[in-house]
Amino acid sequence: MDDERIARRELAYLLREHPEIEPSGEAASLDEAVEVIDRLHPALIFLDVQLPGGSGFDLFNRANIEAHVIFVTAHDEYAIRAFEVNGLDYLRKPVRPSRLAQA
């Protein structure tokens, strides 16, 4: 879930090295993210902090998230909050392949 199409494409490209992760949907806004999560019930979500319509943190109030969440953002200042909502990991953009593998 990322508002930047290029960032979504880059992450999808990097995930090809991890066949155990099968991308099943993507969203460019908070509203789209709610719809995708409600429809697909993913096991893992890569979530940006800043989305049109609200923040990635707002998603926790709008959708029933039972998935593991890895935050992917260009901002350092949200890391503590990400772990407070039980984020699995926190990746900084641009995502390095070695760091993605670690997550």
PDB file of N, CA and C in Angstrom:
ATOM      1  N   MET A   1       0.849  -1.143   0.000  1.00  0.00           N
ATOM      2  CA  MET A   1       0.000   0.000   0.000  1.00  0.00           C
ATOM      3  C   MET A   1       0.908   1.223   0.000  1.00  0.00           C
ATOM      4  N   ASP A   2       0.960   1.886  -1.140  1.00  0.00           N
ATOM      5  CA  ASP A   2       1.845   3.036  -1.296  1.00  0.00           C
ATOM      6  C   ASP A   2       1.243   3.937  -2.344  1.00  0.00           C
ATOM      7  N   ASP A   3       1.258   5.245  -2.103  1.00  0.00           N
ATOM      8  CA  ASP A   3       0.673   6.174  -3.049  1.00  0.00           C
ATOM      9  C   ASP A   3       1.565   6.411  -4.260  1.00  0.00           C
ATOM     10  N   GLU A   4       2.830   6.030  -4.191  1.00  0.00           N
ATOM     11  CA  GLU A   4       3.753   6.240  -5.294  1.00  0.00           C
ATOM     12  C   GLU A   4       3.842   4.984  -6.148  1.00  0.00           C
ATOM     13  N   ARG A   5       3.365   5.094  -7.383  1.00  0.00           N
ATOM     14  CA  ARG A   5       3.354   3.934  -8.263  1.00  0.00           C
ATOM     15  C   ARG A   5       4.757   3.367  -8.483  1.00  0.00           C
ATOM     16  N   ILE A   6       5.739   4.246  -8.626  1.00  0.00           N
ATOM     17  CA  ILE A   6       7.118   3.791  -8.843  1.00  0.00           C
ATOM     18  C   ILE A   6       7.606   2.990  -7.640  1.00  0.00           C
ATOM     19  N   ALA A   7       7.282   3.438  -6.448  1.00  0.00           N
ATOM     20  CA  ALA A   7       7.691   2.712  -5.235  1.00  0.00           C
ATOM     21  C   ALA A   7       7.024   1.345  -5.176  1.00  0.00           C
ATOM     22  N   ARG A   8       5.744   1.262  -5.571  1.00  0.00           N
ATOM     23  CA  ARG A   8       5.061  -0.030  -5.584  1.00  0.00           C
ATOM     24  C   ARG A   8       5.703  -0.975  -6.589  1.00  0.00           C
ATOM     25  N   ARG A   9       6.051  -0.453  -7.752  1.00  0.00           N
ATOM     26  CA  ARG A   9       6.679  -1.283  -8.790  1.00  0.00           C
ATOM     27  C   ARG A   9       8.062  -1.758  -8.346  1.00  0.00           C
ATOM     28  N   GLU A  10       8.825  -0.885  -7.707  1.00  0.00           N
ATOM     29  CA  GLU A  10      10.158  -1.258  -7.230  1.00  0.00           C
ATOM     30  C   GLU A  10      10.066  -2.359  -6.177  1.00  0.00           C
ATOM     31  N   LEU A  11       9.129  -2.228  -5.255  1.00  0.00           N
ATOM     32  CA  LEU A  11       8.960  -3.259  -4.234  1.00  0.00           C
ATOM     33  C   LEU A  11       8.539  -4.581  -4.871  1.00  0.00           C
ATOM     34  N   ALA A  12       7.631  -4.531  -5.816  1.00  0.00           N
ATOM     35  CA  ALA A  12       7.204  -5.757  -6.518  1.00  0.00           C
ATOM     36  C   ALA A  12       8.389  -6.407  -7.222  1.00  0.00           C
ATOM     37  N   TYR A  13       9.237  -5.587  -7.816  1.00  0.00           N
ATOM     38  CA  TYR A  13      10.441  -6.101  -8.481  1.00  0.00           C
ATOM     39  C   TYR A  13      11.362  -6.789  -7.475  1.00  0.00           C
ATOM     40  N   LEU A  14      11.601  -6.133  -6.336  1.00  0.00           N
ATOM     41  CA  LEU A  14      12.473  -6.702  -5.315  1.00  0.00           C
ATOM     42  C   LEU A  14      11.890  -7.994  -4.728  1.00  0.00           C
ATOM     43  N   LEU A  15      10.579  -8.074  -4.640  1.00  0.00           N
ATOM     44  CA  LEU A  15       9.933  -9.254  -4.072  1.00  0.00           C
ATOM     45  C   LEU A  15      10.046 -10.482  -4.976  1.00  0.00           C
ATOM     46  N   ARG A  16      10.391 -10.294  -6.232  1.00  0.00           N
ATOM     47  CA  ARG A  16      10.579 -11.449  -7.124  1.00  0.00           C
ATOM     48  C   ARG A  16      11.673 -12.375  -6.623  1.00  0.00           C
ATOM     49  N   GLU A  17      12.600 -11.835  -5.840  1.00  0.00           N
ATOM     50  CA  GLU A  17      13.677 -12.647  -5.269  1.00  0.00           C
ATOM     51  C   GLU A  17      13.201 -13.474  -4.080  1.00  0.00           C
ATOM     52  N   HIS A  18      11.939 -13.308  -3.716  1.00  0.00           N
ATOM     53  CA  HIS A  18      11.377 -13.995  -2.550  1.00  0.00           C
ATOM     54  C   HIS A  18      10.103 -14.732  -2.969  1.00  0.00           C
ATOM     55  N   PRO A  19      10.248 -15.893  -3.604  1.00  0.00           N
ATOM     56  CA  PRO A  19       9.080 -16.604  -4.125  1.00  0.00           C
ATOM     57  C   PRO A  19       8.085 -17.032  -3.050  1.00  0.00           C
ATOM     58  N   GLU A  20       8.504 -17.023  -1.795  1.00  0.00           N
ATOM     59  CA  GLU A  20       7.577 -17.357  -0.716  1.00  0.00           C
ATOM     60  C   GLU A  20       6.558 -16.239  -0.462  1.00  0.00           C
ATOM     61  N   ILE A  21       6.806 -15.074  -1.055  1.00  0.00           N
ATOM     62  CA  ILE A  21       5.878 -13.945  -0.941  1.00  0.00           C
ATOM     63  C   ILE A  21       5.236 -13.731  -2.303  1.00  0.00           C
ATOM     64  N   GLU A  22       3.939 -13.903  -2.363  1.00  0.00           N
ATOM     65  CA  GLU A  22       3.206 -13.747  -3.621  1.00  0.00           C
ATOM     66  C   GLU A  22       2.321 -12.508  -3.535  1.00  0.00           C
ATOM     67  N   PRO A  23       2.735 -11.400  -4.187  1.00  0.00           N
ATOM     68  CA  PRO A  23       1.905 -10.196  -4.160  1.00  0.00           C
ATOM     69  C   PRO A  23       0.523 -10.480  -4.736  1.00  0.00           C
ATOM     70  N   SER A  24      -0.506 -10.024  -4.022  1.00  0.00           N
ATOM     71  CA  SER A  24      -1.869 -10.303  -4.469  1.00  0.00           C
ATOM     72  C   SER A  24      -2.691  -9.047  -4.697  1.00  0.00           C
ATOM     73  N   GLY A  25      -2.195  -7.893  -4.278  1.00  0.00           N
ATOM     74  CA  GLY A  25      -2.934  -6.660  -4.474  1.00  0.00           C
ATOM     75  C   GLY A  25      -2.101  -5.478  -4.086  1.00  0.00           C
ATOM     76  N   GLU A  26      -2.547  -4.314  -4.516  1.00  0.00           N
ATOM     77  CA  GLU A  26      -1.877  -3.085  -4.148  1.00  0.00           C
ATOM     78  C   GLU A  26      -2.892  -1.965  -4.099  1.00  0.00           C
ATOM     79  N   ALA A  27      -2.523  -0.901  -3.415  1.00  0.00           N
ATOM     80  CA  ALA A  27      -3.432   0.230  -3.257  1.00  0.00           C
ATOM     81  C   ALA A  27      -2.632   1.522  -3.264  1.00  0.00           C
ATOM     82  N   ALA A  28      -3.250   2.585  -3.771  1.00  0.00           N
ATOM     83  CA  ALA A  28      -2.594   3.887  -3.858  1.00  0.00           C
ATOM     84  C   ALA A  28      -3.163   4.904  -2.870  1.00  0.00           C
ATOM     85  N   SER A  29      -4.168   4.511  -2.087  1.00  0.00           N
ATOM     86  CA  SER A  29      -4.777   5.435  -1.130  1.00  0.00           C
ATOM     87  C   SER A  29      -5.290   4.645   0.069  1.00  0.00           C
ATOM     88  N   LEU A  30      -5.657   5.365   1.102  1.00  0.00           N
ATOM     89  CA  LEU A  30      -6.201   4.712   2.291  1.00  0.00           C
ATOM     90  C   LEU A  30      -7.490   3.970   1.969  1.00  0.00           C
ATOM     91  N   ASP A  31      -8.387   4.595   1.212  1.00  0.00           N
ATOM     92  CA  ASP A  31      -9.650   3.939   0.854  1.00  0.00           C
ATOM     93  C   ASP A  31      -9.410   2.662   0.058  1.00  0.00           C
ATOM     94  N   GLU A  32      -8.485   2.708  -0.900  1.00  0.00           N
ATOM     95  CA  GLU A  32      -8.164   1.516  -1.683  1.00  0.00           C
ATOM     96  C   GLU A  32      -7.560   0.432  -0.795  1.00  0.00           C
ATOM     97  N   ALA A  33      -6.731   0.820   0.148  1.00  0.00           N
ATOM     98  CA  ALA A  33      -6.102  -0.147   1.053  1.00  0.00           C
ATOM     99  C   ALA A  33      -7.152  -0.873   1.885  1.00  0.00           C
ATOM    100  N   VAL A  34      -8.138  -0.138   2.384  1.00  0.00           N
ATOM    101  CA  VAL A  34      -9.218  -0.761   3.163  1.00  0.00           C
ATOM    102  C   VAL A  34      -9.939  -1.786   2.302  1.00  0.00           C
ATOM    103  N   GLU A  35     -10.259  -1.413   1.074  1.00  0.00           N
ATOM    104  CA  GLU A  35     -10.987  -2.307   0.163  1.00  0.00           C
ATOM    105  C   GLU A  35     -10.165  -3.557  -0.152  1.00  0.00           C
ATOM    106  N   VAL A  36      -8.879  -3.385  -0.443  1.00  0.00           N
ATOM    107  CA  VAL A  36      -8.016  -4.519  -0.790  1.00  0.00           C
ATOM    108  C   VAL A  36      -7.878  -5.469   0.396  1.00  0.00           C
ATOM    109  N   ILE A  37      -7.684  -4.931   1.576  1.00  0.00           N
ATOM    110  CA  ILE A  37      -7.528  -5.777   2.765  1.00  0.00           C
ATOM    111  C   ILE A  37      -8.819  -6.527   3.068  1.00  0.00           C
ATOM    112  N   ASP A  38      -9.936  -5.833   2.989  1.00  0.00           N
ATOM    113  CA  ASP A  38     -11.221  -6.490   3.254  1.00  0.00           C
ATOM    114  C   ASP A  38     -11.528  -7.580   2.232  1.00  0.00           C
ATOM    115  N   ARG A  39     -11.084  -7.395   0.996  1.00  0.00           N
ATOM    116  CA  ARG A  39     -11.369  -8.355  -0.065  1.00  0.00           C
ATOM    117  C   ARG A  39     -10.394  -9.529  -0.062  1.00  0.00           C
ATOM    118  N   LEU A  40      -9.106  -9.267   0.168  1.00  0.00           N
ATOM    119  CA  LEU A  40      -8.086 -10.303   0.003  1.00  0.00           C
ATOM    120  C   LEU A  40      -7.601 -10.947   1.303  1.00  0.00           C
ATOM    121  N   HIS A  41      -7.792 -10.302   2.429  1.00  0.00           N
ATOM    122  CA  HIS A  41      -7.325 -10.813   3.721  1.00  0.00           C
ATOM    123  C   HIS A  41      -5.871 -11.298   3.630  1.00  0.00           C
ATOM    124  N   PRO A  42      -4.951 -10.378   3.310  1.00  0.00           N
ATOM    125  CA  PRO A  42      -3.552 -10.790   3.120  1.00  0.00           C
ATOM    126  C   PRO A  42      -2.902 -11.239   4.425  1.00  0.00           C
ATOM    127  N   ALA A  43      -1.856 -12.031   4.288  1.00  0.00           N
ATOM    128  CA  ALA A  43      -1.077 -12.478   5.443  1.00  0.00           C
ATOM    129  C   ALA A  43       0.033 -11.489   5.780  1.00  0.00           C
ATOM    130  N   LEU A  44       0.435 -10.698   4.788  1.00  0.00           N
ATOM    131  CA  LEU A  44       1.519  -9.738   4.949  1.00  0.00           C
ATOM    132  C   LEU A  44       1.171  -8.474   4.176  1.00  0.00           C
ATOM    133  N   ILE A  45       1.392  -7.329   4.800  1.00  0.00           N
ATOM    134  CA  ILE A  45       1.125  -6.041   4.163  1.00  0.00           C
ATOM    135  C   ILE A  45       2.385  -5.193   4.226  1.00  0.00           C
ATOM    136  N   PHE A  46       2.789  -4.654   3.091  1.00  0.00           N
ATOM    137  CA  PHE A  46       3.835  -3.643   3.037  1.00  0.00           C
ATOM    138  C   PHE A  46       3.103  -2.312   2.980  1.00  0.00           C
ATOM    139  N   LEU A  47       3.307  -1.468   3.979  1.00  0.00           N
ATOM    140  CA  LEU A  47       2.476  -0.286   4.163  1.00  0.00           C
ATOM    141  C   LEU A  47       3.300   0.979   4.273  1.00  0.00           C
ATOM    142  N   ASP A  48       2.975   1.962   3.442  1.00  0.00           N
ATOM    143  CA  ASP A  48       3.586   3.285   3.534  1.00  0.00           C
ATOM    144  C   ASP A  48       2.900   4.053   4.664  1.00  0.00           C
ATOM    145  N   VAL A  49       3.596   5.002   5.242  1.00  0.00           N
ATOM    146  CA  VAL A  49       3.015   5.813   6.313  1.00  0.00           C
ATOM    147  C   VAL A  49       2.105   6.886   5.741  1.00  0.00           C
ATOM    148  N   GLN A  50       2.529   7.531   4.673  1.00  0.00           N
ATOM    149  CA  GLN A  50       1.748   8.629   4.106  1.00  0.00           C
ATOM    150  C   GLN A  50       0.978   8.152   2.881  1.00  0.00           C
ATOM    151  N   LEU A  51      -0.366   8.222   2.996  1.00  0.00           N
ATOM    152  CA  LEU A  51      -1.253   7.808   1.911  1.00  0.00           C
ATOM    153  C   LEU A  51      -2.293   8.896   1.675  1.00  0.00           C
ATOM    154  N   PRO A  52      -2.740   9.076   0.445  1.00  0.00           N
ATOM    155  CA  PRO A  52      -3.863   9.983   0.231  1.00  0.00           C
ATOM    156  C   PRO A  52      -5.077   9.505   1.022  1.00  0.00           C
ATOM    157  N   GLY A  53      -5.707  10.408   1.729  1.00  0.00           N
ATOM    158  CA  GLY A  53      -6.880  10.051   2.518  1.00  0.00           C
ATOM    159  C   GLY A  53      -6.569   9.758   3.967  1.00  0.00           C
ATOM    160  N   GLY A  54      -5.301   9.758   4.343  1.00  0.00           N
ATOM    161  CA  GLY A  54      -4.918   9.500   5.723  1.00  0.00           C
ATOM    162  C   GLY A  54      -3.544   8.864   5.796  1.00  0.00           C
ATOM    163  N   SER A  55      -3.210   8.358   6.953  1.00  0.00           N
ATOM    164  CA  SER A  55      -1.900   7.728   7.124  1.00  0.00           C
ATOM    165  C   SER A  55      -2.049   6.209   7.167  1.00  0.00           C
ATOM    166  N   GLY A  56      -0.932   5.545   7.028  1.00  0.00           N
ATOM    167  CA  GLY A  56      -0.940   4.101   7.184  1.00  0.00           C
ATOM    168  C   GLY A  56      -1.444   3.690   8.557  1.00  0.00           C
ATOM    169  N   PHE A  57      -1.211   4.541   9.542  1.00  0.00           N
ATOM    170  CA  PHE A  57      -1.694   4.245  10.892  1.00  0.00           C
ATOM    171  C   PHE A  57      -3.221   4.301  10.966  1.00  0.00           C
ATOM    172  N   ASP A  58      -3.836   5.175  10.157  1.00  0.00           N
ATOM    173  CA  ASP A  58      -5.299   5.257  10.113  1.00  0.00           C
ATOM    174  C   ASP A  58      -5.911   3.948   9.618  1.00  0.00           C
ATOM    175  N   LEU A  59      -5.151   3.213   8.831  1.00  0.00           N
ATOM    176  CA  LEU A  59      -5.643   1.949   8.287  1.00  0.00           C
ATOM    177  C   LEU A  59      -6.018   0.974   9.399  1.00  0.00           C
ATOM    178  N   PHE A  60      -5.299   1.027  10.500  1.00  0.00           N
ATOM    179  CA  PHE A  60      -5.583   0.120  11.623  1.00  0.00           C
ATOM    180  C   PHE A  60      -6.950   0.387  12.245  1.00  0.00           C
ATOM    181  N   ASN A  61      -7.470   1.610  12.078  1.00  0.00           N
ATOM    182  CA  ASN A  61      -8.801   1.953  12.586  1.00  0.00           C
ATOM    183  C   ASN A  61      -9.901   1.699  11.566  1.00  0.00           C
ATOM    184  N   ARG A  62      -9.522   1.526  10.317  1.00  0.00           N
ATOM    185  CA  ARG A  62     -10.517   1.402   9.249  1.00  0.00           C
ATOM    186  C   ARG A  62     -10.658   0.002   8.684  1.00  0.00           C
ATOM    187  N   ALA A  63      -9.683  -0.851   8.924  1.00  0.00           N
ATOM    188  CA  ALA A  63      -9.726  -2.208   8.359  1.00  0.00           C
ATOM    189  C   ALA A  63      -9.406  -3.209   9.463  1.00  0.00           C
ATOM    190  N   ASN A  64      -9.906  -4.404   9.277  1.00  0.00           N
ATOM    191  CA  ASN A  64      -9.611  -5.482  10.212  1.00  0.00           C
ATOM    192  C   ASN A  64      -8.294  -6.118   9.769  1.00  0.00           C
ATOM    193  N   ILE A  65      -7.200  -5.660  10.355  1.00  0.00           N
ATOM    194  CA  ILE A  65      -5.878  -6.124   9.944  1.00  0.00           C
ATOM    195  C   ILE A  65      -5.445  -7.278  10.839  1.00  0.00           C
ATOM    196  N   GLU A  66      -5.389  -8.448  10.245  1.00  0.00           N
ATOM    197  CA  GLU A  66      -4.900  -9.635  10.934  1.00  0.00           C
ATOM    198  C   GLU A  66      -3.538 -10.044  10.386  1.00  0.00           C
ATOM    199  N   ALA A  67      -3.042  -9.282   9.417  1.00  0.00           N
ATOM    200  CA  ALA A  67      -1.783  -9.584   8.743  1.00  0.00           C
ATOM    201  C   ALA A  67      -0.593  -9.014   9.506  1.00  0.00           C
ATOM    202  N   HIS A  68       0.565  -9.548   9.184  1.00  0.00           N
ATOM    203  CA  HIS A  68       1.809  -8.912   9.613  1.00  0.00           C
ATOM    204  C   HIS A  68       1.971  -7.667   8.752  1.00  0.00           C
ATOM    205  N   VAL A  69       2.495  -6.598   9.337  1.00  0.00           N
ATOM    206  CA  VAL A  69       2.661  -5.342   8.604  1.00  0.00           C
ATOM    207  C   VAL A  69       4.125  -4.934   8.645  1.00  0.00           C
ATOM    208  N   ILE A  70       4.679  -4.701   7.468  1.00  0.00           N
ATOM    209  CA  ILE A  70       6.017  -4.130   7.340  1.00  0.00           C
ATOM    210  C   ILE A  70       5.832  -2.727   6.782  1.00  0.00           C
ATOM    211  N   PHE A  71       6.235  -1.750   7.554  1.00  0.00           N
ATOM    212  CA  PHE A  71       6.137  -0.367   7.102  1.00  0.00           C
ATOM    213  C   PHE A  71       7.280  -0.077   6.144  1.00  0.00           C
ATOM    214  N   VAL A  72       6.969   0.620   5.059  1.00  0.00           N
ATOM    215  CA  VAL A  72       7.956   1.001   4.049  1.00  0.00           C
ATOM    216  C   VAL A  72       7.758   2.489   3.800  1.00  0.00           C
ATOM    217  N   THR A  73       8.736   3.295   4.212  1.00  0.00           N
ATOM    218  CA  THR A  73       8.561   4.742   4.128  1.00  0.00           C
ATOM    219  C   THR A  73       9.911   5.437   3.999  1.00  0.00           C
ATOM    220  N   ALA A  74       9.863   6.679   3.588  1.00  0.00           N
ATOM    221  CA  ALA A  74      11.076   7.483   3.479  1.00  0.00           C
ATOM    222  C   ALA A  74      11.361   8.233   4.776  1.00  0.00           C
ATOM    223  N   HIS A  75      10.514   8.079   5.763  1.00  0.00           N
ATOM    224  CA  HIS A  75      10.601   8.880   6.981  1.00  0.00           C
ATOM    225  C   HIS A  75      11.058   8.062   8.187  1.00  0.00           C
ATOM    226  N   ASP A  76      12.037   8.585   8.905  1.00  0.00           N
ATOM    227  CA  ASP A  76      12.531   7.941  10.124  1.00  0.00           C
ATOM    228  C   ASP A  76      11.603   8.121  11.309  1.00  0.00           C
ATOM    229  N   GLU A  77      10.936   9.258  11.366  1.00  0.00           N
ATOM    230  CA  GLU A  77      10.265   9.673  12.591  1.00  0.00           C
ATOM    231  C   GLU A  77       9.059   8.828  12.993  1.00  0.00           C
ATOM    232  N   TYR A  78       8.616   7.901  12.164  1.00  0.00           N
ATOM    233  CA  TYR A  78       7.443   7.090  12.490  1.00  0.00           C
ATOM    234  C   TYR A  78       7.787   5.689  12.988  1.00  0.00           C
ATOM    235  N   ALA A  79       9.065   5.385  13.127  1.00  0.00           N
ATOM    236  CA  ALA A  79       9.469   4.016  13.467  1.00  0.00           C
ATOM    237  C   ALA A  79       8.914   3.556  14.815  1.00  0.00           C
ATOM    238  N   ILE A  80       9.010   4.376  15.816  1.00  0.00           N
ATOM    239  CA  ILE A  80       8.513   3.967  17.137  1.00  0.00           C
ATOM    240  C   ILE A  80       7.016   3.712  17.082  1.00  0.00           C
ATOM    241  N   ARG A  81       6.294   4.611  16.431  1.00  0.00           N
ATOM    242  CA  ARG A  81       4.842   4.425  16.322  1.00  0.00           C
ATOM    243  C   ARG A  81       4.509   3.146  15.554  1.00  0.00           C
ATOM    244  N   ALA A  82       5.300   2.826  14.537  1.00  0.00           N
ATOM    245  CA  ALA A  82       5.065   1.607  13.759  1.00  0.00           C
ATOM    246  C   ALA A  82       5.167   0.373  14.644  1.00  0.00           C
ATOM    247  N   PHE A  83       6.120   0.358  15.523  1.00  0.00           N
ATOM    248  CA  PHE A  83       6.266  -0.798  16.414  1.00  0.00           C
ATOM    249  C   PHE A  83       5.208  -0.793  17.516  1.00  0.00           C
ATOM    250  N   GLU A  84       4.690   0.383  17.859  1.00  0.00           N
ATOM    251  CA  GLU A  84       3.610   0.458  18.846  1.00  0.00           C
ATOM    252  C   GLU A  84       2.316  -0.182  18.340  1.00  0.00           C
ATOM    253  N   VAL A  85       2.142  -0.199  17.001  1.00  0.00           N
ATOM    254  CA  VAL A  85       0.961  -0.863  16.430  1.00  0.00           C
ATOM    255  C   VAL A  85       1.306  -2.273  15.963  1.00  0.00           C
ATOM    256  N   ASN A  86       2.394  -2.801  16.501  1.00  0.00           N
ATOM    257  CA  ASN A  86       2.849  -4.164  16.231  1.00  0.00           C
ATOM    258  C   ASN A  86       3.363  -4.379  14.819  1.00  0.00           C
ATOM    259  N   GLY A  87       3.960  -3.342  14.242  1.00  0.00           N
ATOM    260  CA  GLY A  87       4.602  -3.513  12.950  1.00  0.00           C
ATOM    261  C   GLY A  87       5.701  -4.562  13.052  1.00  0.00           C
ATOM    262  N   LEU A  88       5.787  -5.411  12.056  1.00  0.00           N
ATOM    263  CA  LEU A  88       6.785  -6.473  12.038  1.00  0.00           C
ATOM    264  C   LEU A  88       8.178  -5.907  11.782  1.00  0.00           C
ATOM    265  N   ASP A  89       8.259  -4.918  10.899  1.00  0.00           N
ATOM    266  CA  ASP A  89       9.537  -4.293  10.575  1.00  0.00           C
ATOM    267  C   ASP A  89       9.277  -2.906   9.994  1.00  0.00           C
ATOM    268  N   TYR A  90      10.357  -2.184   9.758  1.00  0.00           N
ATOM    269  CA  TYR A  90      10.277  -0.803   9.282  1.00  0.00           C
ATOM    270  C   TYR A  90      11.402  -0.605   8.280  1.00  0.00           C
ATOM    271  N   LEU A  91      11.046  -0.506   7.011  1.00  0.00           N
ATOM    272  CA  LEU A  91      12.033  -0.357   5.945  1.00  0.00           C
ATOM    273  C   LEU A  91      12.029   1.072   5.429  1.00  0.00           C
ATOM    274  N   ARG A  92      13.214   1.597   5.206  1.00  0.00           N
ATOM    275  CA  ARG A  92      13.350   2.948   4.653  1.00  0.00           C
ATOM    276  C   ARG A  92      13.480   2.870   3.138  1.00  0.00           C
ATOM    277  N   LYS A  93      12.807   3.790   2.461  1.00  0.00           N
ATOM    278  CA  LYS A  93      12.949   3.922   1.009  1.00  0.00           C
ATOM    279  C   LYS A  93      14.216   4.727   0.722  1.00  0.00           C
ATOM    280  N   PRO A  94      14.915   4.421  -0.328  1.00  0.00           N
ATOM    281  CA  PRO A  94      14.704   3.268  -1.197  1.00  0.00           C
ATOM    282  C   PRO A  94      15.096   1.979  -0.479  1.00  0.00           C
ATOM    283  N   VAL A  95      14.293   0.960  -0.679  1.00  0.00           N
ATOM    284  CA  VAL A  95      14.489  -0.311   0.003  1.00  0.00           C
ATOM    285  C   VAL A  95      15.697  -1.034  -0.596  1.00  0.00           C
ATOM    286  N   ARG A  96      16.598  -1.419   0.266  1.00  0.00           N
ATOM    287  CA  ARG A  96      17.763  -2.194  -0.171  1.00  0.00           C
ATOM    288  C   ARG A  96      17.384  -3.672  -0.188  1.00  0.00           C
ATOM    289  N   PRO A  97      17.784  -4.400  -1.220  1.00  0.00           N
ATOM    290  CA  PRO A  97      17.460  -5.823  -1.295  1.00  0.00           C
ATOM    291  C   PRO A  97      17.886  -6.603  -0.060  1.00  0.00           C
ATOM    292  N   SER A  98      19.054  -6.309   0.478  1.00  0.00           N
ATOM    293  CA  SER A  98      19.532  -7.043   1.652  1.00  0.00           C
ATOM    294  C   SER A  98      18.656  -6.758   2.869  1.00  0.00           C
ATOM    295  N   ARG A  99      18.165  -5.541   2.996  1.00  0.00           N
ATOM    296  CA  ARG A  99      17.305  -5.187   4.132  1.00  0.00           C
ATOM    297  C   ARG A  99      15.932  -5.819   3.975  1.00  0.00           C
ATOM    298  N   LEU A 100      15.428  -5.890   2.739  1.00  0.00           N
ATOM    299  CA  LEU A 100      14.153  -6.559   2.480  1.00  0.00           C
ATOM    300  C   LEU A 100      14.263  -8.038   2.848  1.00  0.00           C
ATOM    301  N   ALA A 101      15.353  -8.668   2.473  1.00  0.00           N
ATOM    302  CA  ALA A 101      15.554 -10.085   2.785  1.00  0.00           C
ATOM    303  C   ALA A 101      15.571 -10.294   4.295  1.00  0.00           C
ATOM    304  N   GLN A 102      16.156  -9.366   5.012  1.00  0.00           N
ATOM    305  CA  GLN A 102      16.192  -9.452   6.471  1.00  0.00           C
ATOM    306  C   GLN A 102      14.804  -9.346   7.074  1.00  0.00           C
ATOM    307  N   ALA A 103      13.999  -8.460   6.536  1.00  0.00           N
ATOM    308  CA  ALA A 103      12.624  -8.261   7.049  1.00  0.00           C
ATOM    309  C   ALA A 103      11.807  -9.517   6.829  1.00  0.00           C
TER     310      ALA A 103
END
